Amino acid sequence: MASTSLSSHLEDLKVALGKKMRIHEVSIAELSSLSSSRAAYVKNGNLYFRTSIEKAKSTGQKQLELAKAKLEKLDASA
């Protein structure tokens, strides 16, 4: 019974990480379609900070890589 609960929890975590990865991929694509003269906002905690598009894309890319690493770690432990 505990193993089914654990495997169910792992699957829920994998689904949540998959959704986060998709969100970051979409945000990077959206930022890529903006002109370079536009400003972007990056969420840090509960606040949004104005920044350049390149900095926002690099932040999104870092978050995407972190989510991928977490997913790989979950896959390795399962």
PDB file of N, CA and C in Angstrom:
ATOM      1  N   MET A   1       0.836  -1.188   0.000  1.00  0.00           N
ATOM      2  CA  MET A   1       0.000   0.000   0.000  1.00  0.00           C
ATOM      3  C   MET A   1       0.874   1.243   0.000  1.00  0.00           C
ATOM      4  N   ALA A   2       1.965   1.228   0.742  1.00  0.00           N
ATOM      5  CA  ALA A   2       2.836   2.395   0.799  1.00  0.00           C
ATOM      6  C   ALA A   2       3.556   2.607  -0.526  1.00  0.00           C
ATOM      7  N   SER A   3       3.898   1.501  -1.216  1.00  0.00           N
ATOM      8  CA  SER A   3       4.599   1.648  -2.497  1.00  0.00           C
ATOM      9  C   SER A   3       3.681   2.237  -3.559  1.00  0.00           C
ATOM     10  N   THR A   4       2.379   1.903  -3.542  1.00  0.00           N
ATOM     11  CA  THR A   4       1.463   2.514  -4.503  1.00  0.00           C
ATOM     12  C   THR A   4       1.308   3.992  -4.228  1.00  0.00           C
ATOM     13  N   SER A   5       1.286   4.348  -2.986  1.00  0.00           N
ATOM     14  CA  SER A   5       1.184   5.757  -2.632  1.00  0.00           C
ATOM     15  C   SER A   5       2.439   6.515  -3.063  1.00  0.00           C
ATOM     16  N   LEU A   6       3.587   5.886  -2.874  1.00  0.00           N
ATOM     17  CA  LEU A   6       4.853   6.508  -3.264  1.00  0.00           C
ATOM     18  C   LEU A   6       4.945   6.650  -4.775  1.00  0.00           C
ATOM     19  N   SER A   7       4.578   5.603  -5.505  1.00  0.00           N
ATOM     20  CA  SER A   7       4.641   5.677  -6.963  1.00  0.00           C
ATOM     21  C   SER A   7       3.627   6.686  -7.499  1.00  0.00           C
ATOM     22  N   SER A   8       2.480   6.768  -6.859  1.00  0.00           N
ATOM     23  CA  SER A   8       1.476   7.767  -7.248  1.00  0.00           C
ATOM     24  C   SER A   8       2.003   9.181  -7.006  1.00  0.00           C
ATOM     25  N   HIS A   9       2.676   9.357  -5.886  1.00  0.00           N
ATOM     26  CA  HIS A   9       3.251  10.668  -5.556  1.00  0.00           C
ATOM     27  C   HIS A   9       4.352  11.032  -6.556  1.00  0.00           C
ATOM     28  N   LEU A  10       5.180  10.055  -6.926  1.00  0.00           N
ATOM     29  CA  LEU A  10       6.241  10.304  -7.907  1.00  0.00           C
ATOM     30  C   LEU A  10       5.652  10.682  -9.259  1.00  0.00           C
ATOM     31  N   GLU A  11       4.585  10.015  -9.667  1.00  0.00           N
ATOM     32  CA  GLU A  11       3.938  10.339 -10.935  1.00  0.00           C
ATOM     33  C   GLU A  11       3.343  11.748 -10.893  1.00  0.00           C
ATOM     34  N   ASP A  12       2.759  12.133  -9.765  1.00  0.00           N
ATOM     35  CA  ASP A  12       2.223  13.486  -9.622  1.00  0.00           C
ATOM     36  C   ASP A  12       3.330  14.532  -9.733  1.00  0.00           C
ATOM     37  N   LEU A  13       4.484  14.236  -9.117  1.00  0.00           N
ATOM     38  CA  LEU A  13       5.623  15.152  -9.208  1.00  0.00           C
ATOM     39  C   LEU A  13       6.129  15.261 -10.645  1.00  0.00           C
ATOM     40  N   LYS A  14       6.177  14.136 -11.344  1.00  0.00           N
ATOM     41  CA  LYS A  14       6.632  14.145 -12.734  1.00  0.00           C
ATOM     42  C   LYS A  14       5.685  14.962 -13.615  1.00  0.00           C
ATOM     43  N   VAL A  15       4.389  14.815 -13.393  1.00  0.00           N
ATOM     44  CA  VAL A  15       3.409  15.577 -14.163  1.00  0.00           C
ATOM     45  C   VAL A  15       3.556  17.069 -13.878  1.00  0.00           C
ATOM     46  N   ALA A  16       3.723  17.422 -12.617  1.00  0.00           N
ATOM     47  CA  ALA A  16       3.882  18.830 -12.247  1.00  0.00           C
ATOM     48  C   ALA A  16       5.155  19.419 -12.861  1.00  0.00           C
ATOM     49  N   LEU A  17       6.245  18.653 -12.847  1.00  0.00           N
ATOM     50  CA  LEU A  17       7.495  19.130 -13.455  1.00  0.00           C
ATOM     51  C   LEU A  17       7.348  19.259 -14.967  1.00  0.00           C
ATOM     52  N   GLY A  18       6.618  18.347 -15.573  1.00  0.00           N
ATOM     53  CA  GLY A  18       6.364  18.427 -17.008  1.00  0.00           C
ATOM     54  C   GLY A  18       5.597  19.688 -17.368  1.00  0.00           C
ATOM     55  N   LYS A  19       4.617  20.041 -16.537  1.00  0.00           N
ATOM     56  CA  LYS A  19       3.855  21.271 -16.762  1.00  0.00           C
ATOM     57  C   LYS A  19       4.736  22.500 -16.605  1.00  0.00           C
ATOM     58  N   LYS A  20       5.586  22.498 -15.572  1.00  0.00           N
ATOM     59  CA  LYS A  20       6.501  23.627 -15.373  1.00  0.00           C
ATOM     60  C   LYS A  20       7.444  23.779 -16.557  1.00  0.00           C
ATOM     61  N   MET A  21       7.948  22.653 -17.054  1.00  0.00           N
ATOM     62  CA  MET A  21       8.859  22.705 -18.194  1.00  0.00           C
ATOM     63  C   MET A  21       8.152  23.293 -19.409  1.00  0.00           C
ATOM     64  N   ARG A  22       6.930  22.881 -19.632  1.00  0.00           N
ATOM     65  CA  ARG A  22       6.163  23.394 -20.779  1.00  0.00           C
ATOM     66  C   ARG A  22       5.914  24.889 -20.639  1.00  0.00           C
ATOM     67  N   ILE A  23       5.616  25.351 -19.437  1.00  0.00           N
ATOM     68  CA  ILE A  23       5.396  26.776 -19.198  1.00  0.00           C
ATOM     69  C   ILE A  23       6.658  27.567 -19.520  1.00  0.00           C
ATOM     70  N   HIS A  24       7.813  27.067 -19.091  1.00  0.00           N
ATOM     71  CA  HIS A  24       9.076  27.762 -19.362  1.00  0.00           C
ATOM     72  C   HIS A  24       9.404  27.753 -20.850  1.00  0.00           C
ATOM     73  N   GLU A  25       9.113  26.640 -21.522  1.00  0.00           N
ATOM     74  CA  GLU A  25       9.361  26.574 -22.962  1.00  0.00           C
ATOM     75  C   GLU A  25       8.505  27.587 -23.713  1.00  0.00           C
ATOM     76  N   VAL A  26       7.247  27.707 -23.323  1.00  0.00           N
ATOM     77  CA  VAL A  26       6.345  28.662 -23.972  1.00  0.00           C
ATOM     78  C   VAL A  26       6.784  30.089 -23.690  1.00  0.00           C
ATOM     79  N   SER A  27       7.189  30.374 -22.453  1.00  0.00           N
ATOM     80  CA  SER A  27       7.615  31.740 -22.130  1.00  0.00           C
ATOM     81  C   SER A  27       8.875  32.128 -22.893  1.00  0.00           C
ATOM     82  N   ILE A  28       9.803  31.183 -23.079  1.00  0.00           N
ATOM     83  CA  ILE A  28      11.012  31.456 -23.851  1.00  0.00           C
ATOM     84  C   ILE A  28      10.645  31.727 -25.308  1.00  0.00           C
ATOM     85  N   ALA A  29       9.722  30.945 -25.850  1.00  0.00           N
ATOM     86  CA  ALA A  29       9.288  31.158 -27.231  1.00  0.00           C
ATOM     87  C   ALA A  29       8.591  32.511 -27.383  1.00  0.00           C
ATOM     88  N   GLU A  30       7.767  32.874 -26.423  1.00  0.00           N
ATOM     89  CA  GLU A  30       7.080  34.170 -26.476  1.00  0.00           C
ATOM     90  C   GLU A  30       8.077  35.320 -26.395  1.00  0.00           C
ATOM     91  N   LEU A  31       9.063  35.194 -25.528  1.00  0.00           N
ATOM     92  CA  LEU A  31      10.082  36.235 -25.405  1.00  0.00           C
ATOM     93  C   LEU A  31      10.907  36.353 -26.678  1.00  0.00           C
ATOM     94  N   SER A  32      11.123  35.245 -27.350  1.00  0.00           N
ATOM     95  CA  SER A  32      11.891  35.262 -28.597  1.00  0.00           C
ATOM     96  C   SER A  32      11.152  35.993 -29.707  1.00  0.00           C
ATOM     97  N   SER A  33       9.832  36.032 -29.627  1.00  0.00           N
ATOM     98  CA  SER A  33       9.048  36.677 -30.684  1.00  0.00           C
ATOM     99  C   SER A  33       8.920  38.194 -30.482  1.00  0.00           C
ATOM    100  N   LEU A  34       9.334  38.706 -29.328  1.00  0.00           N
ATOM    101  CA  LEU A  34       9.243  40.145 -29.077  1.00  0.00           C
ATOM    102  C   LEU A  34      10.405  40.888 -29.726  1.00  0.00           C
ATOM    103  N   SER A  35      10.156  42.145 -30.070  1.00  0.00           N
ATOM    104  CA  SER A  35      11.249  42.960 -30.602  1.00  0.00           C
ATOM    105  C   SER A  35      12.210  43.313 -29.467  1.00  0.00           C
ATOM    106  N   SER A  36      13.461  43.565 -29.827  1.00  0.00           N
ATOM    107  CA  SER A  36      14.492  43.792 -28.809  1.00  0.00           C
ATOM    108  C   SER A  36      14.304  45.108 -28.053  1.00  0.00           C
ATOM    109  N   SER A  37      13.488  46.004 -28.571  1.00  0.00           N
ATOM    110  CA  SER A  37      13.276  47.286 -27.893  1.00  0.00           C
ATOM    111  C   SER A  37      12.257  47.191 -26.760  1.00  0.00           C
ATOM    112  N   ARG A  38      11.537  46.076 -26.680  1.00  0.00           N
ATOM    113  CA  ARG A  38      10.522  45.902 -25.652  1.00  0.00           C
ATOM    114  C   ARG A  38      11.154  45.506 -24.324  1.00  0.00           C
ATOM    115  N   ALA A  39      10.464  45.802 -23.257  1.00  0.00           N
ATOM    116  CA  ALA A  39      10.911  45.389 -21.926  1.00  0.00           C
ATOM    117  C   ALA A  39      10.144  44.135 -21.515  1.00  0.00           C
ATOM    118  N   ALA A  40      10.701  43.394 -20.612  1.00  0.00           N
ATOM    119  CA  ALA A  40      10.056  42.188 -20.099  1.00  0.00           C
ATOM    120  C   ALA A  40      10.086  42.249 -18.579  1.00  0.00           C
ATOM    121  N   TYR A  41       9.302  41.403 -17.969  1.00  0.00           N
ATOM    122  CA  TYR A  41       9.250  41.336 -16.515  1.00  0.00           C
ATOM    123  C   TYR A  41       9.570  39.923 -16.068  1.00  0.00           C
ATOM    124  N   VAL A  42      10.346  39.828 -15.006  1.00  0.00           N
ATOM    125  CA  VAL A  42      10.733  38.537 -14.436  1.00  0.00           C
ATOM    126  C   VAL A  42      10.191  38.482 -13.017  1.00  0.00           C
ATOM    127  N   LYS A  43       9.556  37.356 -12.680  1.00  0.00           N
ATOM    128  CA  LYS A  43       9.016  37.183 -11.335  1.00  0.00           C
ATOM    129  C   LYS A  43      10.114  36.659 -10.425  1.00  0.00           C
ATOM    130  N   ASN A  44      10.320  37.353  -9.317  1.00  0.00           N
ATOM    131  CA  ASN A  44      11.288  36.943  -8.304  1.00  0.00           C
ATOM    132  C   ASN A  44      10.545  36.955  -6.974  1.00  0.00           C
ATOM    133  N   GLY A  45      10.207  35.769  -6.488  1.00  0.00           N
ATOM    134  CA  GLY A  45       9.373  35.691  -5.289  1.00  0.00           C
ATOM    135  C   GLY A  45       7.951  36.073  -5.672  1.00  0.00           C
ATOM    136  N   ASN A  46       7.406  37.054  -4.984  1.00  0.00           N
ATOM    137  CA  ASN A  46       6.058  37.535  -5.292  1.00  0.00           C
ATOM    138  C   ASN A  46       6.074  38.853  -6.054  1.00  0.00           C
ATOM    139  N   LEU A  47       7.252  39.296  -6.467  1.00  0.00           N
ATOM    140  CA  LEU A  47       7.379  40.580  -7.154  1.00  0.00           C
ATOM    141  C   LEU A  47       7.840  40.385  -8.592  1.00  0.00           C
ATOM    142  N   TYR A  48       7.453  41.313  -9.453  1.00  0.00           N
ATOM    143  CA  TYR A  48       7.905  41.319 -10.839  1.00  0.00           C
ATOM    144  C   TYR A  48       8.884  42.466 -11.029  1.00  0.00           C
ATOM    145  N   PHE A  49       9.990  42.181 -11.719  1.00  0.00           N
ATOM    146  CA  PHE A  49      11.006  43.186 -11.963  1.00  0.00           C
ATOM    147  C   PHE A  49      11.175  43.372 -13.459  1.00  0.00           C
ATOM    148  N   ARG A  50      11.273  44.631 -13.874  1.00  0.00           N
ATOM    149  CA  ARG A  50      11.462  44.949 -15.278  1.00  0.00           C
ATOM    150  C   ARG A  50      12.906  44.643 -15.673  1.00  0.00           C
ATOM    151  N   THR A  51      13.075  44.017 -16.831  1.00  0.00           N
ATOM    152  CA  THR A  51      14.400  43.637 -17.298  1.00  0.00           C
ATOM    153  C   THR A  51      14.395  43.581 -18.820  1.00  0.00           C
ATOM    154  N   SER A  52      15.521  43.276 -19.401  1.00  0.00           N
ATOM    155  CA  SER A  52      15.602  43.134 -20.852  1.00  0.00           C
ATOM    156  C   SER A  52      15.078  41.760 -21.265  1.00  0.00           C
ATOM    157  N   ILE A  53      14.779  41.625 -22.521  1.00  0.00           N
ATOM    158  CA  ILE A  53      14.276  40.350 -23.029  1.00  0.00           C
ATOM    159  C   ILE A  53      15.345  39.270 -22.909  1.00  0.00           C
ATOM    160  N   GLU A  54      16.599  39.622 -23.185  1.00  0.00           N
ATOM    161  CA  GLU A  54      17.674  38.631 -23.110  1.00  0.00           C
ATOM    162  C   GLU A  54      17.847  38.097 -21.685  1.00  0.00           C
ATOM    163  N   LYS A  55      17.781  38.980 -20.706  1.00  0.00           N
ATOM    164  CA  LYS A  55      17.907  38.528 -19.314  1.00  0.00           C
ATOM    165  C   LYS A  55      16.714  37.664 -18.910  1.00  0.00           C
ATOM    166  N   ALA A  56      15.531  38.033 -19.386  1.00  0.00           N
ATOM    167  CA  ALA A  56      14.333  37.250 -19.073  1.00  0.00           C
ATOM    168  C   ALA A  56      14.426  35.867 -19.715  1.00  0.00           C
ATOM    169  N   LYS A  57      14.933  35.800 -20.957  1.00  0.00           N
ATOM    170  CA  LYS A  57      15.094  34.500 -21.612  1.00  0.00           C
ATOM    171  C   LYS A  57      16.124  33.642 -20.898  1.00  0.00           C
ATOM    172  N   SER A  58      17.218  34.247 -20.457  1.00  0.00           N
ATOM    173  CA  SER A  58      18.229  33.452 -19.756  1.00  0.00           C
ATOM    174  C   SER A  58      17.696  32.951 -18.414  1.00  0.00           C
ATOM    175  N   THR A  59      16.897  33.751 -17.737  1.00  0.00           N
ATOM    176  CA  THR A  59      16.273  33.305 -16.487  1.00  0.00           C
ATOM    177  C   THR A  59      15.324  32.150 -16.754  1.00  0.00           C
ATOM    178  N   GLY A  60      14.516  32.266 -17.801  1.00  0.00           N
ATOM    179  CA  GLY A  60      13.599  31.186 -18.165  1.00  0.00           C
ATOM    180  C   GLY A  60      14.341  29.925 -18.547  1.00  0.00           C
ATOM    181  N   GLN A  61      15.459  30.084 -19.256  1.00  0.00           N
ATOM    182  CA  GLN A  61      16.262  28.931 -19.658  1.00  0.00           C
ATOM    183  C   GLN A  61      16.858  28.227 -18.439  1.00  0.00           C
ATOM    184  N   LYS A  62      17.325  29.012 -17.458  1.00  0.00           N
ATOM    185  CA  LYS A  62      17.877  28.428 -16.235  1.00  0.00           C
ATOM    186  C   LYS A  62      16.804  27.655 -15.481  1.00  0.00           C
ATOM    187  N   GLN A  63      15.599  28.220 -15.396  1.00  0.00           N
ATOM    188  CA  GLN A  63      14.513  27.546 -14.700  1.00  0.00           C
ATOM    189  C   GLN A  63      14.110  26.264 -15.427  1.00  0.00           C
ATOM    190  N   LEU A  64      14.145  26.300 -16.763  1.00  0.00           N
ATOM    191  CA  LEU A  64      13.841  25.106 -17.550  1.00  0.00           C
ATOM    192  C   LEU A  64      14.874  24.019 -17.297  1.00  0.00           C
ATOM    193  N   GLU A  65      16.142  24.395 -17.264  1.00  0.00           N
ATOM    194  CA  GLU A  65      17.201  23.419 -17.012  1.00  0.00           C
ATOM    195  C   GLU A  65      17.088  22.823 -15.611  1.00  0.00           C
ATOM    196  N   LEU A  66      16.713  23.641 -14.626  1.00  0.00           N
ATOM    197  CA  LEU A  66      16.519  23.124 -13.269  1.00  0.00           C
ATOM    198  C   LEU A  66      15.379  22.119 -13.219  1.00  0.00           C
ATOM    199  N   ALA A  67      14.284  22.421 -13.901  1.00  0.00           N
ATOM    200  CA  ALA A  67      13.144  21.505 -13.923  1.00  0.00           C
ATOM    201  C   ALA A  67      13.524  20.199 -14.612  1.00  0.00           C
ATOM    202  N   LYS A  68      14.303  20.282 -15.700  1.00  0.00           N
ATOM    203  CA  LYS A  68      14.749  19.061 -16.388  1.00  0.00           C
ATOM    204  C   LYS A  68      15.648  18.228 -15.483  1.00  0.00           C
ATOM    205  N   ALA A  69      16.533  18.885 -14.740  1.00  0.00           N
ATOM    206  CA  ALA A  69      17.430  18.162 -13.834  1.00  0.00           C
ATOM    207  C   ALA A  69      16.628  17.458 -12.735  1.00  0.00           C
ATOM    208  N   LYS A  70      15.622  18.133 -12.207  1.00  0.00           N
ATOM    209  CA  LYS A  70      14.786  17.515 -11.175  1.00  0.00           C
ATOM    210  C   LYS A  70      14.045  16.308 -11.728  1.00  0.00           C
ATOM    211  N   LEU A  71      13.551  16.421 -12.968  1.00  0.00           N
ATOM    212  CA  LEU A  71      12.831  15.313 -13.581  1.00  0.00           C
ATOM    213  C   LEU A  71      13.766  14.128 -13.819  1.00  0.00           C
ATOM    214  N   GLU A  72      14.978  14.402 -14.276  1.00  0.00           N
ATOM    215  CA  GLU A  72      15.952  13.335 -14.473  1.00  0.00           C
ATOM    216  C   GLU A  72      16.307  12.660 -13.146  1.00  0.00           C
ATOM    217  N   LYS A  73      16.403  13.454 -12.088  1.00  0.00           N
ATOM    218  CA  LYS A  73      16.707  12.894 -10.771  1.00  0.00           C
ATOM    219  C   LYS A  73      15.563  11.981 -10.306  1.00  0.00           C
ATOM    220  N   LEU A  74      14.316  12.407 -10.556  1.00  0.00           N
ATOM    221  CA  LEU A  74      13.172  11.570 -10.187  1.00  0.00           C
ATOM    222  C   LEU A  74      13.165  10.284 -11.004  1.00  0.00           C
ATOM    223  N   ASP A  75      13.485  10.385 -12.285  1.00  0.00           N
ATOM    224  CA  ASP A  75      13.511   9.191 -13.130  1.00  0.00           C
ATOM    225  C   ASP A  75      14.598   8.227 -12.678  1.00  0.00           C
ATOM    226  N   ALA A  76      15.740   8.765 -12.253  1.00  0.00           N
ATOM    227  CA  ALA A  76      16.840   7.925 -11.806  1.00  0.00           C
ATOM    228  C   ALA A  76      16.514   7.217 -10.490  1.00  0.00           C
ATOM    229  N   SER A  77      15.748   7.886  -9.632  1.00  0.00           N
ATOM    230  CA  SER A  77      15.438   7.293  -8.327  1.00  0.00           C
ATOM    231  C   SER A  77      14.309   6.270  -8.418  1.00  0.00           C
ATOM    232  N   ALA A  78      13.543   6.327  -9.484  1.00  0.00           N
ATOM    233  CA  ALA A  78      12.393   5.401  -9.607  1.00  0.00           C
ATOM    234  C   ALA A  78      12.791   4.062 -10.161  1.00  0.00           C
TER     235      ALA A  78
END
